[in-house]
Amino acid sequence: DEPTGNLDDENSDRIIDILKQLAHEQGFCVIIVTHDMEIAEASDHVWRIKDGTIENVK
């Protein structure tokens, strides 16, 4: 949940890069809950919960 919520932009980018690298190298899924659309857009897939419905955005 919000793994970069209290970080500055530079460190936030580092954490996201590390998570993406680990996921691709190790072949596992990383699920991040965030309100930051920049973080969401860096993901391979994005789902959004709106009005109690899950929508596939990307």
N, C-alpha and C. Protein backbone atom coordinates (compact mmCIF):
# COMPACT_ATOMS: atom_id res chain seq x y z
N ASP A 1 0.85 -1.18 0.00
CA ASP A 1 0.00 0.00 0.00
C ASP A 1 0.89 1.24 0.00
N GLU A 2 0.83 2.01 -1.05
CA GLU A 2 1.56 3.28 -1.18
C GLU A 2 3.04 3.13 -0.78
N PRO A 3 3.80 2.27 -1.46
CA PRO A 3 5.20 2.05 -1.07
C PRO A 3 6.08 3.28 -1.22
N THR A 4 5.61 4.28 -1.95
CA THR A 4 6.41 5.49 -2.16
C THR A 4 5.73 6.72 -1.58
N GLY A 5 4.69 6.53 -0.80
CA GLY A 5 3.87 7.63 -0.31
C GLY A 5 4.60 8.76 0.39
N ASN A 6 5.62 8.46 1.17
CA ASN A 6 6.32 9.48 1.94
C ASN A 6 7.71 9.78 1.40
N LEU A 7 7.97 9.40 0.16
CA LEU A 7 9.30 9.59 -0.42
C LEU A 7 9.31 10.75 -1.39
N ASP A 8 10.51 11.34 -1.57
CA ASP A 8 10.65 12.37 -2.60
C ASP A 8 10.64 11.69 -3.97
N ASP A 9 10.55 12.48 -5.03
CA ASP A 9 10.43 11.93 -6.38
C ASP A 9 11.58 11.02 -6.76
N GLU A 10 12.80 11.42 -6.42
CA GLU A 10 13.98 10.62 -6.79
C GLU A 10 13.93 9.23 -6.15
N ASN A 11 13.67 9.19 -4.86
CA ASN A 11 13.64 7.90 -4.17
C ASN A 11 12.40 7.08 -4.54
N SER A 12 11.32 7.76 -4.82
CA SER A 12 10.12 7.08 -5.30
C SER A 12 10.42 6.35 -6.61
N ASP A 13 11.07 7.04 -7.54
CA ASP A 13 11.44 6.43 -8.81
C ASP A 13 12.37 5.24 -8.61
N ARG A 14 13.29 5.36 -7.67
CA ARG A 14 14.22 4.24 -7.38
C ARG A 14 13.46 3.01 -6.91
N ILE A 15 12.53 3.21 -5.99
CA ILE A 15 11.77 2.08 -5.45
C ILE A 15 10.96 1.41 -6.55
N ILE A 16 10.30 2.19 -7.38
CA ILE A 16 9.50 1.62 -8.47
C ILE A 16 10.39 0.86 -9.44
N ASP A 17 11.56 1.42 -9.77
CA ASP A 17 12.50 0.73 -10.66
C ASP A 17 12.96 -0.60 -10.07
N ILE A 18 13.24 -0.61 -8.78
CA ILE A 18 13.67 -1.85 -8.11
C ILE A 18 12.55 -2.89 -8.14
N LEU A 19 11.33 -2.48 -7.82
CA LEU A 19 10.20 -3.41 -7.84
C LEU A 19 9.96 -3.98 -9.23
N LYS A 20 10.03 -3.13 -10.25
CA LYS A 20 9.84 -3.60 -11.62
C LYS A 20 10.94 -4.56 -12.04
N GLN A 21 12.18 -4.23 -11.69
CA GLN A 21 13.31 -5.10 -12.03
C GLN A 21 13.16 -6.46 -11.37
N LEU A 22 12.85 -6.47 -10.09
CA LEU A 22 12.68 -7.74 -9.38
C LEU A 22 11.55 -8.57 -9.97
N ALA A 23 10.44 -7.92 -10.28
CA ALA A 23 9.29 -8.64 -10.84
C ALA A 23 9.65 -9.28 -12.17
N HIS A 24 10.33 -8.54 -13.03
CA HIS A 24 10.68 -9.08 -14.35
C HIS A 24 11.76 -10.16 -14.25
N GLU A 25 12.76 -9.95 -13.39
CA GLU A 25 13.84 -10.94 -13.26
C GLU A 25 13.37 -12.21 -12.59
N GLN A 26 12.54 -12.08 -11.56
CA GLN A 26 12.11 -13.24 -10.78
C GLN A 26 10.80 -13.83 -11.27
N GLY A 27 10.13 -13.12 -12.17
CA GLY A 27 8.89 -13.64 -12.73
C GLY A 27 7.71 -13.63 -11.78
N PHE A 28 7.65 -12.64 -10.92
CA PHE A 28 6.50 -12.57 -10.02
C PHE A 28 5.74 -11.26 -10.18
N CYS A 29 4.58 -11.23 -9.60
CA CYS A 29 3.67 -10.09 -9.70
C CYS A 29 3.84 -9.18 -8.49
N VAL A 30 3.85 -7.89 -8.72
CA VAL A 30 3.87 -6.90 -7.65
C VAL A 30 2.56 -6.13 -7.73
N ILE A 31 1.83 -6.11 -6.64
CA ILE A 31 0.58 -5.36 -6.60
C ILE A 31 0.80 -4.14 -5.72
N ILE A 32 0.54 -2.97 -6.28
CA ILE A 32 0.72 -1.72 -5.55
C ILE A 32 -0.63 -1.00 -5.48
N VAL A 33 -0.99 -0.57 -4.29
CA VAL A 33 -2.18 0.26 -4.12
C VAL A 33 -1.69 1.69 -3.98
N THR A 34 -2.19 2.58 -4.85
CA THR A 34 -1.71 3.96 -4.84
C THR A 34 -2.77 4.91 -5.36
N HIS A 35 -2.66 6.16 -4.96
CA HIS A 35 -3.48 7.23 -5.51
C HIS A 35 -2.68 8.05 -6.52
N ASP A 36 -1.41 7.71 -6.69
CA ASP A 36 -0.50 8.44 -7.57
C ASP A 36 -0.57 7.85 -8.97
N MET A 37 -1.17 8.58 -9.89
CA MET A 37 -1.34 8.06 -11.25
C MET A 37 -0.02 7.92 -12.00
N GLU A 38 1.00 8.69 -11.64
CA GLU A 38 2.32 8.51 -12.26
C GLU A 38 2.89 7.14 -11.92
N ILE A 39 2.73 6.73 -10.68
CA ILE A 39 3.18 5.40 -10.26
C ILE A 39 2.36 4.35 -11.01
N ALA A 40 1.07 4.54 -11.08
CA ALA A 40 0.21 3.57 -11.77
C ALA A 40 0.60 3.45 -13.25
N GLU A 41 0.86 4.55 -13.90
CA GLU A 41 1.20 4.52 -15.32
C GLU A 41 2.54 3.83 -15.59
N ALA A 42 3.40 3.74 -14.59
CA ALA A 42 4.68 3.04 -14.75
C ALA A 42 4.49 1.52 -14.73
N SER A 43 3.29 1.08 -14.42
CA SER A 43 2.99 -0.34 -14.30
C SER A 43 2.65 -0.96 -15.65
N ASP A 44 2.77 -2.28 -15.71
CA ASP A 44 2.38 -3.01 -16.92
C ASP A 44 0.86 -3.07 -17.06
N HIS A 45 0.17 -3.17 -15.93
CA HIS A 45 -1.30 -3.26 -15.92
C HIS A 45 -1.82 -2.35 -14.81
N VAL A 46 -2.98 -1.75 -15.05
CA VAL A 46 -3.59 -0.87 -14.06
C VAL A 46 -5.07 -1.19 -13.96
N TRP A 47 -5.54 -1.39 -12.75
CA TRP A 47 -6.97 -1.54 -12.48
C TRP A 47 -7.36 -0.45 -11.52
N ARG A 48 -8.58 0.00 -11.63
CA ARG A 48 -9.07 1.06 -10.76
C ARG A 48 -10.40 0.62 -10.17
N ILE A 49 -10.60 0.95 -8.91
CA ILE A 49 -11.89 0.70 -8.27
C ILE A 49 -12.65 2.01 -8.29
N LYS A 50 -13.81 2.00 -8.94
CA LYS A 50 -14.64 3.20 -9.03
C LYS A 50 -16.09 2.80 -8.76
N ASP A 51 -16.68 3.45 -7.79
CA ASP A 51 -18.07 3.18 -7.43
C ASP A 51 -18.32 1.70 -7.17
N GLY A 52 -17.36 1.05 -6.51
CA GLY A 52 -17.50 -0.35 -6.16
C GLY A 52 -17.26 -1.34 -7.29
N THR A 53 -16.82 -0.83 -8.44
CA THR A 53 -16.56 -1.69 -9.60
C THR A 53 -15.09 -1.63 -9.98
N ILE A 54 -14.51 -2.78 -10.30
CA ILE A 54 -13.11 -2.83 -10.74
C ILE A 54 -13.07 -2.65 -12.24
N GLU A 55 -12.28 -1.67 -12.70
CA GLU A 55 -12.13 -1.39 -14.12
C GLU A 55 -10.70 -1.63 -14.54
N ASN A 56 -10.50 -2.26 -15.69
CA ASN A 56 -9.17 -2.42 -16.27
C ASN A 56 -8.87 -1.14 -17.04
N VAL A 57 -7.84 -0.41 -16.62
CA VAL A 57 -7.50 0.86 -17.23
C VAL A 57 -6.38 0.69 -18.24
N LYS A 58 -5.44 -0.18 -17.96
CA LYS A 58 -4.27 -0.36 -18.82
C LYS A 58 -3.87 -1.81 -18.85
